[in-house]
C-alpha atoms as a PDB file:
ATOM      1  CA  UNK A   1     -16.811 -11.463 -36.090  1.00  0.00           C
ATOM      2  CA  UNK A   2     -17.670  -9.542 -39.375  1.00  0.00           C
ATOM      3  CA  UNK A   3     -15.164  -7.848 -41.405  1.00  0.00           C
ATOM      4  CA  UNK A   4     -16.753  -4.473 -40.472  1.00  0.00           C
ATOM      5  CA  UNK A   5     -16.167  -5.180 -36.992  1.00  0.00           C
ATOM      6  CA  UNK A   6     -12.598  -6.030 -37.191  1.00  0.00           C
ATOM      7  CA  UNK A   7     -10.998  -2.673 -38.302  1.00  0.00           C
ATOM      8  CA  UNK A   8      -7.678  -2.038 -36.897  1.00  0.00           C
ATOM      9  CA  UNK A   9      -7.522  -5.675 -35.614  1.00  0.00           C
ATOM     10  CA  UNK A  10      -7.660  -6.779 -39.206  1.00  0.00           C
ATOM     11  CA  UNK A  11      -5.229  -4.235 -40.450  1.00  0.00           C
ATOM     12  CA  UNK A  12      -2.688  -5.184 -37.877  1.00  0.00           C
ATOM     13  CA  UNK A  13      -2.847  -9.066 -38.015  1.00  0.00           C
ATOM     14  CA  UNK A  14      -3.408  -9.770 -34.349  1.00  0.00           C
ATOM     15  CA  UNK A  15      -7.337 -10.494 -34.841  1.00  0.00           C
ATOM     16  CA  UNK A  16      -6.518 -13.085 -37.225  1.00  0.00           C
ATOM     17  CA  UNK A  17      -3.957 -14.464 -34.866  1.00  0.00           C
ATOM     18  CA  UNK A  18      -6.443 -14.846 -31.941  1.00  0.00           C
ATOM     19  CA  UNK A  19      -8.823 -16.470 -34.329  1.00  0.00           C
ATOM     20  CA  UNK A  20      -6.499 -18.979 -35.572  1.00  0.00           C
ATOM     21  CA  UNK A  21      -5.235 -19.639 -32.130  1.00  0.00           C
ATOM     22  CA  UNK A  22      -8.157 -21.721 -31.131  1.00  0.00           C
ATOM     23  CA  UNK A  23     -11.783 -21.509 -29.785  1.00  0.00           C
ATOM     24  CA  UNK A  24     -12.830 -18.544 -27.789  1.00  0.00           C
ATOM     25  CA  UNK A  25     -12.408 -19.071 -23.926  1.00  0.00           C
ATOM     26  CA  UNK A  26     -14.874 -18.485 -21.349  1.00  0.00           C
ATOM     27  CA  UNK A  27     -15.643 -14.928 -21.475  1.00  0.00           C
ATOM     28  CA  UNK A  28     -14.862 -14.532 -17.604  1.00  0.00           C
ATOM     29  CA  UNK A  29     -11.094 -15.439 -18.402  1.00  0.00           C
ATOM     30  CA  UNK A  30     -11.067 -13.029 -21.348  1.00  0.00           C
ATOM     31  CA  UNK A  31     -12.587 -10.147 -19.434  1.00  0.00           C
ATOM     32  CA  UNK A  32     -10.132 -10.924 -16.541  1.00  0.00           C
ATOM     33  CA  UNK A  33      -7.264 -10.723 -18.886  1.00  0.00           C
ATOM     34  CA  UNK A  34      -8.912  -7.502 -20.448  1.00  0.00           C
ATOM     35  CA  UNK A  35      -8.976  -5.958 -16.868  1.00  0.00           C
ATOM     36  CA  UNK A  36      -5.254  -6.890 -16.231  1.00  0.00           C
ATOM     37  CA  UNK A  37      -4.140  -5.071 -19.580  1.00  0.00           C
ATOM     38  CA  UNK A  38      -6.126  -2.076 -18.340  1.00  0.00           C
ATOM     39  CA  UNK A  39      -4.621  -2.111 -14.950  1.00  0.00           C
ATOM     40  CA  UNK A  40      -1.217  -2.161 -16.629  1.00  0.00           C
ATOM     41  CA  UNK A  41      -2.271   0.781 -18.820  1.00  0.00           C
ATOM     42  CA  UNK A  42      -3.311   2.624 -15.745  1.00  0.00           C
ATOM     43  CA  UNK A  43      -0.067   2.144 -13.811  1.00  0.00           C
ATOM     44  CA  UNK A  44       1.914   3.185 -16.981  1.00  0.00           C
ATOM     45  CA  UNK A  45      -0.181   6.456 -17.167  1.00  0.00           C
ATOM     46  CA  UNK A  46       0.340   7.074 -13.298  1.00  0.00           C
ATOM     47  CA  UNK A  47       4.304   6.654 -13.880  1.00  0.00           C
ATOM     48  CA  UNK A  48       4.400   8.834 -16.889  1.00  0.00           C
ATOM     49  CA  UNK A  49       2.271  11.527 -14.789  1.00  0.00           C
ATOM     50  CA  UNK A  50       4.740  11.026 -11.975  1.00  0.00           C
ATOM     51  CA  UNK A  51       7.616  11.667 -14.268  1.00  0.00           C
ATOM     52  CA  UNK A  52       5.764  14.965 -15.769  1.00  0.00           C
ATOM     53  CA  UNK A  53       5.190  16.124 -11.977  1.00  0.00           C
ATOM     54  CA  UNK A  54       8.860  15.707 -10.920  1.00  0.00           C
ATOM     55  CA  UNK A  55       9.748  17.693 -13.790  1.00  0.00           C
ATOM     56  CA  UNK A  56       7.223  20.398 -13.276  1.00  0.00           C
ATOM     57  CA  UNK A  57       6.964  20.602  -9.361  1.00  0.00           C
ATOM     58  CA  UNK A  58      10.448  19.460  -8.056  1.00  0.00           C
ATOM     59  CA  UNK A  59      12.106  22.739  -9.000  1.00  0.00           C
ATOM     60  CA  UNK A  60      14.429  22.636  -5.980  1.00  0.00           C
ATOM     61  CA  UNK A  61      16.384  19.654  -7.435  1.00  0.00           C
ATOM     62  CA  UNK A  62      19.271  20.026  -9.588  1.00  0.00           C
ATOM     63  CA  UNK A  63      18.194  20.348 -13.187  1.00  0.00           C
ATOM     64  CA  UNK A  64      20.289  17.275 -14.274  1.00  0.00           C
ATOM     65  CA  UNK A  65      18.789  15.085 -11.741  1.00  0.00           C
ATOM     66  CA  UNK A  66      15.228  16.358 -12.099  1.00  0.00           C
ATOM     67  CA  UNK A  67      15.261  15.803 -15.752  1.00  0.00           C
ATOM     68  CA  UNK A  68      17.152  12.247 -15.417  1.00  0.00           C
ATOM     69  CA  UNK A  69      14.428  11.106 -12.810  1.00  0.00           C
ATOM     70  CA  UNK A  70      11.595  12.583 -15.136  1.00  0.00           C
ATOM     71  CA  UNK A  71      12.808  11.098 -18.001  1.00  0.00           C
ATOM     72  CA  UNK A  72      13.492   7.489 -16.446  1.00  0.00           C
ATOM     73  CA  UNK A  73       9.891   7.670 -15.158  1.00  0.00           C
ATOM     74  CA  UNK A  74       8.262   8.655 -18.460  1.00  0.00           C
ATOM     75  CA  UNK A  75      10.439   5.861 -20.420  1.00  0.00           C
ATOM     76  CA  UNK A  76       9.432   3.298 -17.815  1.00  0.00           C
ATOM     77  CA  UNK A  77       5.890   4.117 -18.118  1.00  0.00           C
ATOM     78  CA  UNK A  78       6.032   4.344 -22.159  1.00  0.00           C
ATOM     79  CA  UNK A  79       7.537   1.044 -21.948  1.00  0.00           C
ATOM     80  CA  UNK A  80       5.153  -0.476 -19.821  1.00  0.00           C
ATOM     81  CA  UNK A  81       2.218   0.694 -22.110  1.00  0.00           C
ATOM     82  CA  UNK A  82       3.578  -0.747 -25.153  1.00  0.00           C
ATOM     83  CA  UNK A  83       4.696  -4.077 -23.803  1.00  0.00           C
ATOM     84  CA  UNK A  84       1.202  -4.472 -22.062  1.00  0.00           C
ATOM     85  CA  UNK A  85      -0.589  -5.246 -25.270  1.00  0.00           C
ATOM     86  CA  UNK A  86       1.862  -7.979 -25.950  1.00  0.00           C
ATOM     87  CA  UNK A  87       1.192  -9.597 -22.874  1.00  0.00           C
ATOM     88  CA  UNK A  88      -2.383  -9.189 -23.100  1.00  0.00           C
ATOM     89  CA  UNK A  89      -2.359 -11.105 -26.747  1.00  0.00           C
ATOM     90  CA  UNK A  90       0.365 -13.767 -25.412  1.00  0.00           C
ATOM     91  CA  UNK A  91      -2.299 -14.501 -22.413  1.00  0.00           C
ATOM     92  CA  UNK A  92      -5.328 -14.496 -24.762  1.00  0.00           C
ATOM     93  CA  UNK A  93      -3.724 -16.935 -27.269  1.00  0.00           C
ATOM     94  CA  UNK A  94      -2.361 -19.269 -24.459  1.00  0.00           C
ATOM     95  CA  UNK A  95      -6.014 -19.374 -23.129  1.00  0.00           C
ATOM     96  CA  UNK A  96      -7.391 -20.250 -26.443  1.00  0.00           C
ATOM     97  CA  UNK A  97      -4.756 -23.161 -26.860  1.00  0.00           C
ATOM     98  CA  UNK A  98      -5.170 -24.361 -23.200  1.00  0.00           C
ATOM     99  CA  UNK A  99      -1.664 -23.644 -22.721  1.00  0.00           C
ATOM    100  CA  UNK A 100      -0.191 -22.348 -19.414  1.00  0.00           C
ATOM    101  CA  UNK A 101      -0.066 -18.614 -19.150  1.00  0.00           C
ATOM    102  CA  UNK A 102       3.112 -16.923 -20.111  1.00  0.00           C
ATOM    103  CA  UNK A 103       5.303 -15.539 -17.454  1.00  0.00           C
ATOM    104  CA  UNK A 104       4.845 -11.978 -16.815  1.00  0.00           C
ATOM    105  CA  UNK A 105       8.093 -10.351 -18.062  1.00  0.00           C
ATOM    106  CA  UNK A 106       6.894  -6.696 -17.185  1.00  0.00           C
ATOM    107  CA  UNK A 107       6.846  -7.147 -13.260  1.00  0.00           C
ATOM    108  CA  UNK A 108      10.593  -7.475 -12.685  1.00  0.00           C
ATOM    109  CA  UNK A 109      11.235  -4.700 -15.150  1.00  0.00           C
ATOM    110  CA  UNK A 110       8.638  -2.143 -13.508  1.00  0.00           C
ATOM    111  CA  UNK A 111      10.074  -3.421 -10.038  1.00  0.00           C
ATOM    112  CA  UNK A 112      13.478  -2.682 -10.678  1.00  0.00           C
ATOM    113  CA  UNK A 113      12.960   0.340 -12.696  1.00  0.00           C
ATOM    114  CA  UNK A 114      10.711   1.872 -10.006  1.00  0.00           C
ATOM    115  CA  UNK A 115      13.590   0.879  -7.317  1.00  0.00           C
ATOM    116  CA  UNK A 116      16.223   2.583  -9.264  1.00  0.00           C
ATOM    117  CA  UNK A 117      13.950   5.761  -9.824  1.00  0.00           C
ATOM    118  CA  UNK A 118      13.398   5.806  -6.114  1.00  0.00           C
ATOM    119  CA  UNK A 119      17.044   5.325  -5.229  1.00  0.00           C
ATOM    120  CA  UNK A 120      17.907   8.191  -7.610  1.00  0.00           C
ATOM    121  CA  UNK A 121      15.131  10.547  -5.900  1.00  0.00           C
ATOM    122  CA  UNK A 122      16.758   9.710  -2.432  1.00  0.00           C
ATOM    123  CA  UNK A 123      20.047  10.910  -3.873  1.00  0.00           C
ATOM    124  CA  UNK A 124      18.817  14.182  -5.399  1.00  0.00           C
ATOM    125  CA  UNK A 125      17.227  15.104  -2.072  1.00  0.00           C
ATOM    126  CA  UNK A 126      20.133  14.232   0.014  1.00  0.00           C
ATOM    127  CA  UNK A 127      22.285  16.393  -2.290  1.00  0.00           C
ATOM    128  CA  UNK A 128      19.864  19.166  -2.760  1.00  0.00           C
ATOM    129  CA  UNK A 129      21.640  22.654  -3.088  1.00  0.00           C
END
């Protein structure tokens, strides 16, 4: 990779971390890792959009509940987006080092976060004025 093509990767240091981790893995595995990263990004965008939709459309719910649910969904989506890059990087480094892939720390956070959000939504619907 030439210096001109590195751009932000060089500035942030993660490009060097990848190169120093070991030889490039089979491109199929790298592309699969990238597709997983993009799936997490799509999911985080959908959760953020759901939060915006709750705030904009669910006007018959109490405002405190509507805003709480909307903010919780947007924070969860933003956290997913921020964490997904680290997950991608850890997996890529592990593949280059022929090490076991790291555990997915995002999945339980998303599962429990969405479960709590669903619980709050049920409470809000049942206590609707």
